[in-house]
Structures are given as C-alpha cells and as structure tokens.
Amino acid sequence: MITPERKIMTLDQAIAWHAALRNEHKTLAVTNGAFDLLHRGHVEYLNQTAKEADALLVAVNSDASVRQLKGPERPLINENDRAMLLASLQAVDAVVIFNGPKPLDVFSAIHPDVYVKGGDYTEDSLDREEYALLKSVGARFVFIPFVAGFSTTSIFRRLRDGGSAPTAGQSSCKAVLNNALDMIFCRRSVRRYQPRPVADEQIDAILQAAMAAPSAGAKDPWQFHVLKNDGLRADIAATLPYGRFLAQAPTGIVVCGDLRRAHGGELSYLIQDCSAACENILLAVSQLGLGACWLGVHPRQDRVDAIRRLLKQPAEIIPVAAIAIGWPAENPPKRSRYRDDAVYWER
C-alpha cells in the first residue's frame, strides 16, 4: 500500500509517475481545487472522479493562491495539511500543489486523459485558457455536480457565526435544504469596504456566474462594464444618489442590456434578464467572501443618460444597475425577510 506521504509529489515527480502509468497503458484523470476544510461533498466528488480513469491526480491550490481567490481569511488549513488529507483518500493516487490561480503548469506538463470539474460548469463556461490547453492535449471533459448541502463556505460561516451542524436525527432533506439555502440567507448588502483590491480572477468567476442566469428566449442581452479605473468609477458614482458606496469600493460592475439582443427587442424582457444576472452577481460575490451593494440606474432616465454618456454607449444600450464590489469592512448578520402576508396558496 502506498503511503499518503509518497502520493504527495513535486511536479517533476508527477511527470515521472505519469510516464510510468503511460508505459502500463493506464489512463489519468485530473481535477483541481483548494479542498480547504475537506468535507463529505469533496470526498463523494473525488470518489466519482476516480471512476473516470485508472488513476487520479489532484492539483491543489497553494496557500497564496487560495488567499488570492478567496480572501485573507482563507485557507483554513495550510497547503501541506490539505495535500496530506487528500493523499489519505483511497480514491486519490497523487497530489501536486500548484501556485497561482490556475494549474496551467500542471496541465502543460501532465497531459491528462480526462479533466474533471465539479459544479454546474460546461465546456462553454470553463476558463478559456485552461480549456484551450486541455483541449490541445486531447483531454476528455467530465462534469460532476457538487453534492447539495456541503460547502466549505457554509461550514466556515457556521464556525464564524457560532452555529452548529444539523443533528444526526434531522431529516437529510431538511439538512440539505438548510445548507443549500444558506448562501441566499447569508447574502447581505455591504456598504463599507477595505481598500484591498479584488483580483481579476475573482471578477471573472463573478461574471461567469452572472452569465449563467436565465434570459427570455436565451437571448442573453447583457453586457458588463468592470470599473477598475478609479476616475471612471468615481464619475459614475457621482451620478447615483447612493454612489458613495461605489466610490469607496475597489471595483464595481455596471450591468447593461442591449435592446438589439433582447427577446423581441422589448425593454421589459431586457430588464428581467439583467436583473437575474445582477442577483447571480450578488450571490457569487457573497460565496467568494466579498461584499456588494446593488445601486439602481434604470428606470431613472437622468441616471441612464449620464452613465451611457460616461461609458460612450449608443442609445440601444440600457444601463440597468451598478454594483459596488469589495472586501467587506462590515459583517451584517444574516436575516429573513419572509412575510406570511405576501404568500397566497392557490390550492
């Protein structure tokens, strides 16, 4: 039996190990992630991933790359311990720690037969650089949904807020439902931000979430203006009544719609589609440990005209909302705004 210590390899060691596999005509599956605070969802995902090939290599983010992607409070477990926990799983045959937000060096050196990604990704929504590299080496793509109700983020929040895990006697359906909805109930508007910048990789992930929103007729009429320029962000903030939240944030996104792409060319559909994208942005921001605040633009024509002028947009482009994004300098508690009087059961 191979010990966990021997499964943890440098990239050069992994290259030699993979060459030996190839000599035995064995296939290799690769997946990657932070795997911070290993939980049941991770284990079930890796067990499924291991079935896709003869051997499984897990590329795990270094501590520095986890901080870059998820913020200063992460990782909860250092890279060496995370690698050891992964290597201790029977499903895992090798572990490599990589630096940077993407494991491109791993993919370049080790050409996997299968690349496995968790969640609701598709080939179209994968990182384009990673996809092109894996495609060029002939990798097959497999997508395995995450196990509902399990995430490091929800566990971290429970620890931070003094919550507890569902009891063993609690119905599995209720436990899964509570955990799955936690990302919604924990989302709060954040109006004070740290001066720390938001990484481009995080913005890219947020935009992928935005464009996963539904749209009428699947027309996807949206476009997104990422406000990295301090001067432009301040100018846009000055057009909004509560623009100071945007001015103080390290970045922001203006969500717009193109009437030429909207279903039937109708403004009402455009607003619905862009609003769905805005909600996805807010949820993705919260899941990444960031904070955000939605600032309305449409239907106030003076705001629409001012922002359209600043962004040099034609009349067919409709600015719908501006969203301030940054690392929170406040921690509003989660709350429910449920009202019985707003619900009508039509039985």
Protein backbone atom coordinates (compact mmCIF):
# COMPACT_ATOMS: atom_id res chain seq x y z
CA MET A 1 0.00 0.00 0.00
CA ILE A 2 1.34 3.43 -0.99
CA THR A 3 1.58 5.78 1.99
CA PRO A 4 -0.04 9.25 1.79
CA GLU A 5 3.41 10.85 2.03
CA ARG A 6 4.50 9.12 -1.19
CA LYS A 7 1.39 10.30 -3.02
CA ILE A 8 2.36 13.97 -2.47
CA MET A 9 4.68 14.85 -5.35
CA THR A 10 6.58 17.70 -6.89
CA LEU A 11 5.65 18.43 -10.48
CA ASP A 12 8.80 16.65 -11.73
CA GLN A 13 7.92 13.58 -9.67
CA ALA A 14 4.38 13.64 -11.01
CA ILE A 15 5.69 13.78 -14.59
CA ALA A 16 7.78 10.65 -14.00
CA TRP A 17 4.88 8.91 -12.25
CA HIS A 18 2.58 9.70 -15.18
CA ALA A 19 5.15 8.40 -17.67
CA ALA A 20 5.16 5.09 -15.78
CA LEU A 21 1.37 4.98 -15.98
CA ARG A 22 1.51 5.55 -19.73
CA ASN A 23 4.01 2.71 -20.10
CA GLU A 24 1.44 0.46 -18.45
CA HIS A 25 -1.26 1.80 -20.81
CA LYS A 26 -3.20 3.33 -17.91
CA THR A 27 -5.30 6.46 -18.13
CA LEU A 28 -5.13 9.51 -15.88
CA ALA A 29 -7.88 11.81 -14.61
CA VAL A 30 -7.01 15.24 -13.18
CA THR A 31 -9.07 17.62 -11.11
CA ASN A 32 -8.09 20.72 -9.15
CA GLY A 33 -9.27 22.94 -6.34
CA ALA A 34 -8.50 24.36 -2.91
CA PHE A 35 -10.12 21.49 -0.97
CA ASP A 36 -9.99 23.68 2.11
CA LEU A 37 -11.62 22.05 5.13
CA LEU A 38 -12.20 18.68 3.46
CA HIS A 39 -15.82 17.54 3.86
CA ARG A 40 -18.20 14.85 2.67
CA GLY A 41 -19.03 16.71 -0.53
CA HIS A 42 -15.34 16.71 -1.51
CA VAL A 43 -14.98 13.01 -0.73
CA GLU A 44 -18.02 11.97 -2.77
CA TYR A 45 -16.88 14.17 -5.66
CA LEU A 46 -13.39 12.60 -5.66
CA ASN A 47 -14.83 9.09 -5.43
CA GLN A 48 -16.88 9.80 -8.56
CA THR A 49 -13.91 11.44 -10.28
CA ALA A 50 -11.69 8.41 -9.67
CA LYS A 51 -14.09 6.24 -11.67
CA GLU A 52 -13.28 8.18 -14.86
CA ALA A 53 -9.75 6.76 -15.31
CA ASP A 54 -7.23 4.26 -13.96
CA ALA A 55 -5.56 6.86 -11.74
CA LEU A 56 -6.46 10.23 -10.25
CA LEU A 57 -4.18 13.22 -9.70
CA VAL A 58 -5.46 16.15 -7.66
CA ALA A 59 -3.85 19.56 -8.22
CA VAL A 60 -4.40 21.59 -5.05
CA ASN A 61 -4.06 25.37 -4.72
CA SER A 62 -1.19 26.69 -2.63
CA ASP A 63 -1.97 28.87 0.38
CA ALA A 64 -1.06 32.00 -1.57
CA SER A 65 -3.39 31.19 -4.46
CA VAL A 66 -6.27 30.39 -2.08
CA ARG A 67 -5.83 33.81 -0.43
CA GLN A 68 -5.79 35.43 -3.84
CA LEU A 69 -9.02 33.73 -4.87
CA LYS A 70 -10.98 33.57 -1.61
CA GLY A 71 -9.65 36.37 0.58
CA PRO A 72 -7.40 36.92 3.60
CA GLU A 73 -9.39 34.63 5.94
CA ARG A 74 -8.62 31.58 3.83
CA PRO A 75 -7.31 28.94 3.68
CA LEU A 76 -8.46 27.46 6.96
CA ILE A 77 -5.99 24.58 6.53
CA ASN A 78 -2.47 25.03 5.14
CA GLU A 79 -1.40 23.55 1.82
CA ASN A 80 0.70 20.73 3.29
CA ASP A 81 -2.13 19.53 5.52
CA ARG A 82 -4.66 19.81 2.71
CA ALA A 83 -2.38 17.75 0.48
CA MET A 84 -1.98 15.12 3.22
CA LEU A 85 -5.73 14.85 3.76
CA LEU A 86 -6.31 14.39 0.03
CA ALA A 87 -3.49 11.85 -0.26
CA SER A 88 -5.05 9.85 2.57
CA LEU A 89 -8.14 9.17 0.47
CA GLN A 90 -8.25 5.83 -1.31
CA ALA A 91 -9.63 7.46 -4.46
CA VAL A 92 -6.60 9.75 -4.85
CA ASP A 93 -3.39 8.41 -6.38
CA ALA A 94 -1.28 11.57 -6.49
CA VAL A 95 -1.36 15.17 -5.24
CA VAL A 96 0.51 18.19 -6.59
CA ILE A 97 0.46 21.67 -5.01
CA PHE A 98 0.40 24.49 -7.56
CA ASN A 99 0.91 28.25 -7.29
CA GLY A 100 -1.21 30.88 -8.99
CA PRO A 101 -4.94 30.92 -9.62
CA LYS A 102 -4.80 28.35 -12.44
CA PRO A 103 -2.96 24.98 -12.68
CA LEU A 104 -1.69 25.70 -16.18
CA ASP A 105 1.83 24.44 -15.41
CA VAL A 106 0.35 21.13 -14.27
CA PHE A 107 -1.77 20.77 -17.40
CA SER A 108 1.21 21.68 -19.62
CA ALA A 109 3.50 19.13 -18.01
CA ILE A 110 0.97 16.34 -17.46
CA HIS A 111 -1.41 15.77 -20.32
CA PRO A 112 -4.43 14.15 -18.65
CA ASP A 113 -6.72 11.78 -20.49
CA VAL A 114 -9.67 13.14 -18.54
CA TYR A 115 -10.25 16.51 -16.87
CA VAL A 116 -12.99 16.54 -14.25
CA LYS A 117 -14.68 19.70 -12.95
CA GLY A 118 -17.23 19.99 -10.18
CA GLY A 119 -20.37 22.09 -10.05
CA ASP A 120 -22.61 23.27 -12.88
CA TYR A 121 -19.78 24.00 -15.33
CA THR A 122 -19.96 23.17 -19.03
CA GLU A 123 -17.25 23.28 -21.68
CA ASP A 124 -18.53 26.75 -22.63
CA SER A 125 -18.21 28.13 -19.09
CA LEU A 126 -14.74 26.75 -18.28
CA ASP A 127 -11.85 29.19 -18.05
CA ARG A 128 -10.91 29.78 -21.69
CA GLU A 129 -7.15 29.47 -21.14
CA GLU A 130 -7.50 26.21 -19.24
CA TYR A 131 -9.99 24.86 -21.76
CA ALA A 132 -7.77 25.63 -24.76
CA LEU A 133 -4.75 23.99 -23.15
CA LEU A 134 -6.63 20.84 -22.11
CA LYS A 135 -8.32 20.61 -25.50
CA SER A 136 -4.94 20.85 -27.24
CA VAL A 137 -3.65 17.79 -25.37
CA GLY A 138 -6.75 15.76 -26.17
CA ALA A 139 -8.31 15.65 -22.71
CA ARG A 140 -11.88 14.45 -22.33
CA PHE A 141 -14.08 16.70 -20.18
CA VAL A 142 -16.35 15.36 -17.44
CA PHE A 143 -18.59 17.48 -15.19
CA ILE A 144 -19.78 16.11 -11.86
CA PRO A 145 -22.37 18.09 -9.86
CA PHE A 146 -21.43 19.05 -6.31
CA VAL A 147 -23.21 17.22 -3.53
CA ALA A 148 -26.02 19.51 -2.37
CA GLY A 149 -25.76 20.85 1.15
CA PHE A 150 -21.97 20.67 1.57
CA SER A 151 -19.55 23.56 1.11
CA THR A 152 -16.53 24.93 2.91
CA THR A 153 -18.07 28.41 2.79
CA SER A 154 -21.18 27.33 4.70
CA ILE A 155 -19.07 25.46 7.28
CA PHE A 156 -16.81 28.50 7.68
CA ARG A 157 -19.80 30.77 8.22
CA ARG A 158 -21.26 28.38 10.76
CA LEU A 159 -17.99 28.44 12.68
CA ARG A 160 -17.72 32.22 12.45
CA ASP A 161 -21.32 32.85 13.49
CA GLY A 162 -21.36 30.27 16.29
CA GLY A 163 -23.80 27.95 14.52
CA SER A 164 -23.88 24.17 14.68
CA ALA A 165 -24.14 21.32 12.21
CA PRO A 166 -27.51 19.67 11.61
CA THR A 167 -28.10 16.92 14.17
CA ALA A 168 -27.94 13.29 13.17
CA GLY A 169 -31.68 13.00 13.74
CA GLN A 170 -32.53 15.88 11.43
CA SER A 171 -34.05 14.72 8.16
CA SER A 172 -31.50 14.65 5.34
CA CYS A 173 -33.87 16.63 3.14
CA LYS A 174 -34.16 19.44 5.69
CA ALA A 175 -30.40 19.45 6.34
CA VAL A 176 -29.60 19.68 2.65
CA LEU A 177 -32.22 22.38 2.15
CA ASN A 178 -30.92 24.50 5.03
CA ASN A 179 -27.31 24.25 3.84
CA ALA A 180 -28.19 24.84 0.21
CA LEU A 181 -30.18 27.99 1.02
CA ASP A 182 -27.54 29.34 3.39
CA MET A 183 -25.83 31.14 0.51
CA ILE A 184 -29.05 33.09 -0.04
CA PHE A 185 -29.80 33.95 3.58
CA CYS A 186 -26.19 34.97 4.30
CA ARG A 187 -26.14 37.43 1.42
CA ARG A 188 -26.40 40.97 2.74
CA SER A 189 -25.77 44.36 1.19
CA VAL A 190 -22.29 45.57 2.17
CA ARG A 191 -21.70 49.31 2.08
CA ARG A 192 -18.23 49.63 3.67
CA TYR A 193 -15.14 48.13 2.06
CA GLN A 194 -11.48 47.51 2.76
CA PRO A 195 -9.02 49.25 0.40
CA ARG A 196 -7.68 45.84 -0.73
CA PRO A 197 -8.14 45.21 -4.49
CA VAL A 198 -10.32 42.44 -5.92
CA ALA A 199 -8.38 40.02 -8.15
CA ASP A 200 -9.27 39.76 -11.83
CA GLU A 201 -9.73 36.00 -11.38
CA GLN A 202 -12.49 36.67 -8.85
CA ILE A 203 -14.20 39.15 -11.15
CA ASP A 204 -14.02 36.58 -13.94
CA ALA A 205 -15.71 33.98 -11.72
CA ILE A 206 -18.40 36.52 -10.77
CA LEU A 207 -19.08 37.30 -14.42
CA GLN A 208 -19.33 33.62 -15.28
CA ALA A 209 -21.98 33.34 -12.56
CA ALA A 210 -23.77 36.41 -13.95
CA MET A 211 -23.95 34.92 -17.42
CA ALA A 212 -25.32 31.65 -16.04
CA ALA A 213 -28.59 33.48 -15.33
CA PRO A 214 -31.71 32.63 -17.35
CA SER A 215 -32.88 35.01 -20.05
CA ALA A 216 -36.01 35.28 -22.17
CA GLY A 217 -35.58 33.19 -25.29
CA ALA A 218 -31.97 32.52 -24.21
CA LYS A 219 -31.05 35.82 -25.89
CA ASP A 220 -28.57 36.85 -23.14
CA PRO A 221 -28.78 40.57 -23.95
CA TRP A 222 -26.50 41.65 -21.14
CA GLN A 223 -23.09 43.30 -21.14
CA PHE A 224 -20.91 44.09 -18.14
CA HIS A 225 -18.59 47.05 -17.62
CA VAL A 226 -15.97 46.29 -14.94
CA LEU A 227 -14.96 49.55 -13.25
CA LYS A 228 -11.27 49.10 -12.47
CA ASN A 229 -10.49 52.72 -13.37
CA ASP A 230 -10.81 54.81 -10.19
CA GLY A 231 -11.64 58.02 -12.05
CA LEU A 232 -14.42 56.47 -14.15
CA ARG A 233 -15.84 54.66 -11.12
CA ALA A 234 -15.95 57.95 -9.20
CA ASP A 235 -17.64 59.72 -12.13
CA ILE A 236 -20.31 57.03 -12.39
CA ALA A 237 -20.77 57.05 -8.62
CA ALA A 238 -21.41 60.79 -8.76
CA THR A 239 -24.48 60.19 -10.96
CA LEU A 240 -26.18 57.99 -8.33
CA PRO A 241 -27.88 59.08 -5.07
CA TYR A 242 -26.03 56.43 -3.05
CA GLY A 243 -22.99 56.41 -5.28
CA ARG A 244 -20.62 56.88 -2.35
CA PHE A 245 -20.77 53.11 -1.81
CA LEU A 246 -19.46 52.60 -5.34
CA ALA A 247 -16.87 55.37 -4.99
CA GLN A 248 -15.45 53.76 -1.83
CA ALA A 249 -15.35 50.23 -3.28
CA PRO A 250 -12.18 48.99 -5.02
CA THR A 251 -14.18 47.91 -8.06
CA GLY A 252 -17.68 47.72 -9.44
CA ILE A 253 -19.72 46.38 -12.33
CA VAL A 254 -22.27 48.27 -14.41
CA VAL A 255 -24.83 45.80 -15.76
CA CYS A 256 -26.31 46.88 -19.08
CA GLY A 257 -28.60 45.40 -21.69
CA ASP A 258 -28.58 45.65 -25.48
CA LEU A 259 -32.08 46.19 -26.88
CA ARG A 260 -30.92 44.75 -30.20
CA ARG A 261 -30.33 41.41 -28.47
CA ALA A 262 -33.34 41.40 -26.15
CA HIS A 263 -36.19 38.96 -26.79
CA GLY A 264 -38.49 40.66 -29.28
CA GLY A 265 -36.46 43.83 -28.83
CA GLU A 266 -38.58 44.53 -25.74
CA LEU A 267 -37.28 46.58 -22.83
CA SER A 268 -39.28 44.60 -20.25
CA TYR A 269 -37.51 41.37 -21.15
CA LEU A 270 -34.14 43.12 -21.10
CA ILE A 271 -34.76 44.41 -17.55
CA GLN A 272 -35.84 40.96 -16.34
CA ASP A 273 -32.75 39.31 -17.85
CA CYS A 274 -30.30 41.85 -16.48
CA SER A 275 -31.93 41.71 -13.05
CA ALA A 276 -31.44 37.93 -12.96
CA ALA A 277 -27.77 38.46 -13.85
CA CYS A 278 -27.48 41.05 -11.06
CA GLU A 279 -28.83 38.59 -8.49
CA ASN A 280 -26.32 35.97 -9.64
CA ILE A 281 -23.55 38.54 -9.20
CA LEU A 282 -24.65 39.26 -5.63
CA LEU A 283 -24.78 35.56 -4.72
CA ALA A 284 -21.41 34.82 -6.34
CA VAL A 285 -19.82 37.78 -4.55
CA SER A 286 -21.13 36.52 -1.22
CA GLN A 287 -19.91 32.97 -1.86
CA LEU A 288 -16.41 34.30 -2.60
CA GLY A 289 -16.32 36.10 0.74
CA LEU A 290 -16.65 39.52 -0.87
CA GLY A 291 -19.33 42.14 -0.33
CA ALA A 292 -21.55 44.02 -2.76
CA CYS A 293 -24.30 46.63 -2.96
CA TRP A 294 -26.80 46.98 -5.83
CA LEU A 295 -27.37 50.58 -6.94
CA GLY A 296 -30.34 51.20 -9.22
CA VAL A 297 -29.92 53.02 -12.53
CA HIS A 298 -32.95 52.21 -14.70
CA PRO A 299 -35.71 53.48 -14.93
CA ARG A 300 -34.39 56.92 -13.90
CA GLN A 301 -33.67 58.42 -17.29
CA ASP A 302 -31.23 61.03 -15.94
CA ARG A 303 -29.09 58.22 -14.49
CA VAL A 304 -29.38 56.14 -17.65
CA ASP A 305 -28.30 59.08 -19.82
CA ALA A 306 -25.41 60.09 -17.56
CA ILE A 307 -23.92 56.59 -17.34
CA ARG A 308 -24.49 55.92 -21.03
CA ARG A 309 -22.55 59.12 -21.77
CA LEU A 310 -19.67 58.18 -19.44
CA LEU A 311 -19.41 54.71 -20.97
CA LYS A 312 -19.77 56.09 -24.51
CA GLN A 313 -22.70 53.81 -25.28
CA PRO A 314 -25.20 54.04 -28.15
CA ALA A 315 -28.90 54.58 -27.47
CA GLU A 316 -29.63 50.83 -27.81
CA ILE A 317 -27.62 50.07 -24.65
CA ILE A 318 -29.57 50.43 -21.40
CA PRO A 319 -27.61 50.71 -18.11
CA VAL A 320 -29.72 48.79 -15.58
CA ALA A 321 -27.70 48.77 -12.37
CA ALA A 322 -24.30 49.47 -10.85
CA ILE A 323 -22.92 47.02 -8.28
CA ALA A 324 -20.19 48.04 -5.84
CA ILE A 325 -17.83 45.13 -5.03
CA GLY A 326 -15.02 44.79 -2.49
CA TRP A 327 -13.70 43.08 0.61
CA PRO A 328 -16.17 43.81 3.44
CA ALA A 329 -15.25 46.21 6.23
CA GLU A 330 -18.51 45.26 7.98
CA ASN A 331 -20.32 41.99 8.65
CA PRO A 332 -24.11 42.42 8.62
CA PRO A 333 -25.83 39.40 10.25
CA LYS A 334 -27.98 37.17 8.08
CA ARG A 335 -31.72 37.72 8.38
CA SER A 336 -35.03 36.54 6.95
CA ARG A 337 -37.46 38.93 5.33
CA TYR A 338 -40.14 36.30 4.90
CA ARG A 339 -43.73 37.56 5.30
CA ASP A 340 -46.73 35.28 5.57
CA ASP A 341 -48.99 38.02 4.25
CA ALA A 342 -47.09 38.06 0.96
CA VAL A 343 -47.86 34.38 0.25
CA TYR A 344 -51.09 33.11 -1.29
CA TRP A 345 -51.56 29.34 -1.63
CA GLU A 346 -53.74 28.72 -4.70
CA ARG A 347 -54.74 25.13 -3.98
